[in-house]
Protein backbone atom coordinates (compact mmCIF):
# COMPACT_ATOMS: atom_id res chain seq x y z
CA MET A 1 -3.56 -7.04 -21.92
CA LYS A 2 -6.68 -7.67 -19.83
CA PHE A 3 -6.76 -6.79 -16.08
CA LEU A 4 -9.12 -8.03 -13.45
CA PHE A 5 -11.24 -5.31 -11.79
CA VAL A 6 -12.32 -6.07 -8.28
CA PHE A 7 -14.23 -3.97 -5.79
CA ILE A 8 -13.01 -4.03 -2.22
CA ALA A 9 -16.35 -5.22 -0.88
CA THR A 10 -16.30 -8.41 -2.92
CA LEU A 11 -13.06 -9.59 -1.36
CA CYS A 12 -13.41 -8.77 2.30
CA VAL A 13 -15.18 -9.89 5.41
CA SER A 14 -18.02 -7.66 6.55
CA VAL A 15 -18.19 -6.91 10.29
CA ASN A 16 -21.17 -5.13 11.78
CA ALA A 17 -19.64 -4.46 15.18
CA PHE A 18 -21.69 -1.40 16.05
CA ALA A 19 -25.28 -2.57 15.56
CA ASP A 20 -27.01 -0.49 12.85
CA ARG A 21 -25.06 2.76 13.13
CA THR A 22 -21.62 1.65 11.93
CA SER A 23 -20.41 -1.13 9.72
CA MET A 24 -16.92 -2.22 8.59
CA THR A 25 -15.66 -4.15 5.65
CA GLY A 26 -12.11 -5.38 5.34
CA ASN A 27 -9.35 -7.80 6.35
CA PHE A 28 -8.81 -7.96 10.10
CA ILE A 29 -5.36 -9.43 9.75
CA GLN A 30 -1.84 -8.11 9.76
CA GLY A 31 -1.45 -6.19 6.48
CA GLY A 32 -5.22 -5.69 6.12
CA LEU A 33 -7.18 -2.58 5.15
CA VAL A 34 -10.61 -1.82 6.65
CA ILE A 35 -13.24 0.61 5.40
CA GLY A 36 -15.92 1.69 7.78
CA VAL A 37 -19.22 3.51 7.25
CA THR A 38 -20.83 5.45 10.09
CA GLU A 39 -23.01 8.54 10.53
CA PRO A 40 -21.68 11.71 8.92
CA ASP A 41 -20.15 14.02 11.50
CA ALA A 42 -19.32 11.14 13.83
CA VAL A 43 -15.90 11.16 15.45
CA VAL A 44 -13.81 7.98 15.14
CA PHE A 45 -10.81 6.96 17.29
CA PHE A 46 -8.56 4.04 16.29
CA ASP A 47 -6.42 3.10 19.30
CA GLU A 48 -7.10 6.58 20.70
CA THR A 49 -5.93 8.30 17.50
CA PRO A 50 -8.55 10.35 15.63
CA VAL A 51 -9.46 9.02 12.18
CA THR A 52 -10.92 11.37 9.58
CA VAL A 53 -14.55 10.64 8.60
CA THR A 54 -15.52 11.63 5.09
CA PRO A 55 -18.65 13.74 4.40
CA ALA A 56 -20.34 10.48 3.38
CA GLY A 57 -19.46 8.87 6.68
CA ARG A 58 -16.65 6.59 5.49
CA PHE A 59 -13.33 6.09 7.28
CA LEU A 60 -10.20 4.00 6.78
CA PHE A 61 -7.66 2.23 8.98
CA GLY A 62 -5.14 -0.57 8.49
CA PHE A 63 -2.91 -3.01 10.27
CA GLY A 64 0.86 -3.16 9.56
CA ARG A 65 3.03 -6.29 9.27
CA ASP A 66 3.60 -6.74 13.00
CA PHE A 67 0.48 -5.13 14.28
CA LYS A 68 -0.58 -6.29 17.78
CA PRO A 69 -3.40 -8.85 18.20
CA THR A 70 -6.05 -6.31 19.25
CA ALA A 71 -7.01 -2.68 18.66
CA THR A 72 -9.78 -0.45 20.00
CA LEU A 73 -12.22 1.41 17.80
CA LYS A 74 -14.37 4.07 19.46
CA ILE A 75 -17.07 6.15 17.79
CA ARG A 76 -18.71 9.27 19.14
CA TYR A 77 -21.96 10.00 17.32
CA PRO A 78 -23.38 13.46 16.56
CA ASP A 79 -25.99 12.99 19.29
CA GLY A 80 -23.23 12.57 21.87
CA SER A 81 -23.59 8.84 22.41
CA GLU A 82 -20.51 6.56 22.17
CA GLU A 83 -19.73 3.03 21.18
CA GLU A 84 -16.49 1.10 21.60
CA ASN A 85 -15.35 -2.20 20.18
CA LEU A 86 -12.31 -4.38 20.61
CA LEU A 87 -10.99 -5.56 17.25
CA ASN A 88 -9.19 -8.86 16.96
CA ILE A 89 -6.41 -8.91 14.34
CA ALA A 90 -5.16 -12.23 13.02
CA THR A 91 -1.41 -12.78 12.97
CA ARG A 92 0.60 -14.23 10.10
CA ASP A 93 3.68 -16.35 9.45
CA TYR A 94 6.11 -14.76 7.01
CA LYS A 95 8.45 -16.24 4.45
CA ILE A 96 12.23 -15.88 4.69
CA GLU A 97 14.00 -15.15 1.37
CA ARG A 98 17.74 -15.09 0.57
CA ILE A 99 19.07 -12.99 -2.29
CA ASN A 100 22.79 -13.13 -3.13
CA GLY A 101 24.87 -11.51 -5.79
CA LEU A 102 23.86 -7.89 -5.17
CA PRO A 103 26.53 -5.20 -5.42
CA PRO A 104 27.87 -4.55 -1.91
CA SER A 105 27.00 -0.85 -2.25
CA LYS A 106 23.34 -1.76 -2.59
CA VAL A 107 23.35 -3.93 0.55
CA THR A 108 25.38 -1.63 2.78
CA PRO A 109 25.40 1.87 1.31
CA SER A 110 28.68 3.79 1.36
CA PRO A 111 28.82 7.00 3.35
CA GLU A 112 28.55 9.21 0.26
CA PHE A 113 25.12 7.73 -0.51
CA LEU A 114 23.69 8.11 2.96
CA ALA A 115 22.74 11.82 2.50
CA ARG A 116 20.97 10.98 -0.76
CA ILE A 117 19.06 8.11 0.92
CA LYS A 118 18.03 10.31 3.84
CA LYS A 119 16.74 13.00 1.49
CA GLU A 120 14.76 10.52 -0.61
CA ASN A 121 13.26 8.79 2.44
CA ALA A 122 12.19 12.20 3.83
CA GLU A 123 10.24 12.93 0.65
CA ILE A 124 8.65 9.51 0.64
CA ALA A 125 7.61 9.99 4.31
CA ARG A 126 6.14 13.43 3.46
CA ILE A 127 3.96 11.96 0.75
CA ARG A 128 2.80 9.16 3.03
CA SER A 129 1.65 11.78 5.58
CA ILE A 130 -0.62 13.53 3.10
CA GLU A 131 -4.36 13.27 3.74
CA THR A 132 -6.18 14.30 0.59
CA LYS A 133 -9.90 14.67 1.23
CA GLU A 134 -10.94 12.59 -1.76
CA GLU A 135 -12.44 9.10 -1.93
CA TRP A 136 -10.58 7.91 -5.01
CA PHE A 137 -10.00 4.52 -3.35
CA LEU A 138 -13.65 3.71 -4.04
CA SER A 139 -12.71 2.85 -7.63
CA GLY A 140 -11.47 -0.54 -6.26
CA TRP A 141 -8.28 -2.42 -6.97
CA GLN A 142 -6.76 -4.32 -9.86
CA TRP A 143 -3.43 -5.95 -10.52
CA PRO A 144 -1.01 -3.27 -11.76
CA ALA A 145 0.88 -5.73 -13.95
CA VAL A 146 0.68 -9.29 -15.19
CA GLY A 147 3.55 -11.66 -14.36
CA ARG A 148 4.90 -14.13 -11.81
CA VAL A 149 4.54 -13.30 -8.13
CA SER A 150 8.16 -13.43 -7.05
CA GLY A 151 7.98 -11.84 -3.62
CA VAL A 152 5.26 -11.49 -1.06
CA TYR A 153 4.34 -9.06 1.67
CA GLY A 154 5.99 -9.49 5.05
CA SER A 155 8.82 -11.68 3.92
CA GLN A 156 12.23 -11.24 5.53
CA ARG A 157 15.01 -10.77 3.03
CA ILE A 158 18.61 -11.70 3.68
CA LEU A 159 20.81 -9.87 1.19
CA ASN A 160 24.29 -11.21 0.69
CA ASP A 161 23.79 -13.03 4.01
CA ILE A 162 22.97 -9.77 5.83
CA PRO A 163 19.44 -9.71 7.39
CA LYS A 164 17.46 -6.67 6.22
CA ARG A 165 14.14 -5.07 6.95
CA PRO A 166 11.04 -7.11 6.02
CA HIS A 167 9.62 -6.72 2.56
CA PHE A 168 6.48 -4.57 2.62
CA GLY A 169 5.31 -5.10 -0.93
CA LEU A 170 4.18 -7.53 -3.57
CA ASP A 171 6.72 -8.34 -6.31
CA ILE A 172 5.57 -9.16 -9.84
CA ALA A 173 8.29 -10.45 -12.14
CA ALA A 174 7.87 -9.86 -15.87
CA PRO A 175 10.06 -8.88 -18.87
CA GLU A 176 11.45 -5.38 -18.93
CA GLY A 177 9.02 -3.10 -20.77
CA THR A 178 5.87 -4.86 -19.49
CA ALA A 179 3.16 -2.25 -18.89
CA VAL A 180 2.38 -1.10 -15.33
CA VAL A 181 -1.00 0.48 -14.75
CA ALA A 182 -2.61 2.36 -11.91
CA SER A 183 -4.34 -0.08 -9.59
CA THR A 184 -6.80 2.56 -8.42
CA ASP A 185 -7.89 6.10 -9.24
CA GLY A 186 -5.64 8.75 -7.69
CA LEU A 187 -3.25 11.68 -7.90
CA VAL A 188 0.40 11.14 -8.74
CA GLN A 189 2.44 12.59 -5.93
CA MET A 190 5.87 11.26 -6.99
CA ALA A 191 7.37 10.25 -10.31
CA GLU A 192 11.12 9.83 -9.94
CA LYS A 193 13.39 8.03 -12.35
CA ASP A 194 16.29 7.12 -10.08
CA LEU A 195 15.79 6.71 -6.38
CA TYR A 196 18.65 4.87 -4.67
CA TYR A 197 16.74 1.80 -3.47
CA THR A 198 13.65 1.74 -5.66
CA GLY A 199 14.91 3.21 -8.96
CA GLY A 200 12.05 4.47 -11.14
CA THR A 201 9.29 5.14 -8.60
CA VAL A 202 5.71 6.34 -8.79
CA MET A 203 3.56 7.14 -5.73
CA ILE A 204 -0.21 7.59 -6.19
CA ASP A 205 -2.46 9.21 -3.58
CA HIS A 206 -5.88 7.48 -3.31
CA GLY A 207 -7.22 9.77 -0.63
CA TYR A 208 -7.48 9.83 3.17
CA GLY A 209 -3.92 8.56 3.79
CA LEU A 210 -3.97 5.68 1.34
CA VAL A 211 -0.95 5.72 -1.01
CA SER A 212 0.33 3.09 -3.45
CA VAL A 213 3.93 2.80 -4.58
CA TYR A 214 5.28 1.30 -7.83
CA SER A 215 9.04 0.69 -7.89
CA HIS A 216 11.97 -0.43 -10.13
CA LEU A 217 10.30 1.01 -13.22
CA SER A 218 12.39 1.32 -16.44
CA ARG A 219 10.08 3.97 -17.84
CA LEU A 220 7.70 6.52 -16.29
CA ASP A 221 4.63 7.72 -18.20
CA VAL A 222 3.20 10.11 -15.59
CA THR A 223 4.27 13.30 -13.84
CA PRO A 224 3.56 14.73 -10.35
CA GLY A 225 0.17 16.36 -10.13
CA GLN A 226 -1.35 14.17 -12.82
CA PHE A 227 -4.67 12.46 -12.10
CA VAL A 228 -4.87 8.81 -13.22
CA ARG A 229 -7.78 6.44 -13.55
CA GLN A 230 -7.65 2.78 -12.70
CA GLY A 231 -5.98 0.96 -15.60
CA ASP A 232 -4.12 3.96 -16.99
CA LYS A 233 -0.53 3.14 -17.92
CA ILE A 234 1.93 4.77 -15.51
CA GLY A 235 5.20 3.12 -16.58
CA GLU A 236 7.00 -0.09 -17.50
CA ILE A 237 8.64 -2.84 -15.49
CA GLY A 238 12.42 -2.61 -15.09
CA ALA A 239 15.28 -3.53 -12.80
CA THR A 240 16.29 -0.05 -11.62
CA GLY A 241 17.47 0.67 -8.12
CA ARG A 242 18.22 -2.32 -5.87
CA ALA A 243 16.95 -5.16 -8.02
CA THR A 244 18.45 -8.40 -9.30
CA GLY A 245 16.03 -8.68 -12.24
CA PRO A 246 13.07 -6.93 -13.89
CA HIS A 247 10.00 -6.81 -11.63
CA LEU A 248 7.50 -4.48 -10.07
CA ASP A 249 7.55 -3.89 -6.33
CA TRP A 250 4.02 -2.74 -5.54
CA ARG A 251 3.19 -1.37 -2.08
CA LEU A 252 0.23 0.13 -0.27
CA ASN A 253 0.40 2.39 2.77
CA TRP A 254 -2.16 3.88 5.10
CA PHE A 255 -0.05 6.67 6.60
CA ASN A 256 2.70 4.82 8.56
CA GLU A 257 1.03 1.40 8.33
CA ARG A 258 2.38 -0.71 5.49
CA LEU A 259 -0.42 -2.86 4.11
CA ASP A 260 -0.60 -5.97 1.93
CA PRO A 261 -2.08 -5.04 -1.48
CA GLU A 262 -2.56 -8.71 -2.41
CA LEU A 263 -5.35 -8.98 0.18
CA LEU A 264 -7.45 -6.68 -2.04
CA LEU A 265 -7.07 -8.73 -5.21
CA GLY A 266 -8.46 -11.80 -6.87
CA SER A 267 -6.48 -14.22 -9.00
CA MET A 268 -3.72 -12.98 -11.30
CA PRO A 269 -5.24 -12.15 -14.72
CA GLN A 270 -3.97 -13.70 -17.91
CA ASN A 271 -2.32 -11.81 -20.77
């Protein structure tokens, strides 16, 4: 199976908003990820919130599904001078999907499952809050599996006629047992075989708050604490958790902002 390797910079729009001292590359749209480069030891504020700057001067930020139309980026340089820029974020229209035939317990969990769900969600939130001081995301991004795109980021799902939260991932449908690989270098922070909603789930830390999630796996080939390189097999596609058929639900988060991983990719590779 051949995968397409793509560097972030080849897919994104470059914005030089701060003259010669700071540049940014990324997608200034809901779901987009932006990587900036500034002077080492500068201090960056994204909407008044401090953003960590790496020793090389890089920093990350992203825009969630319903992010507002503008954001403010302010940079305080080591010499004490400051620059501020108003960022314009493009909005998107999202697809509405209806899925029927799910077991009622998977649409509206029974009380006995609520404690389990709360515990699992707390661990997921903990991992998403981690800020590992490593630039593993610089390895770039590739498709984690080959198949049919069956669900897109931002779509609203109506399950058994009950409106649910928007979908924050990219679904890739393929036969059970299809290989799933790491999209990017990183450290495995979670490898669970049976989460209530997402079934077999792997979470990979790419550094500085960027975490990818691979769900509904039938098989896991990694363990927590394991370092993986881009293209390493991490599991196989399945239909575990809340799923109507075998597929991979692939997500990307920057802390609490849920991003669209498809914005970082080229065309789907061929088998």
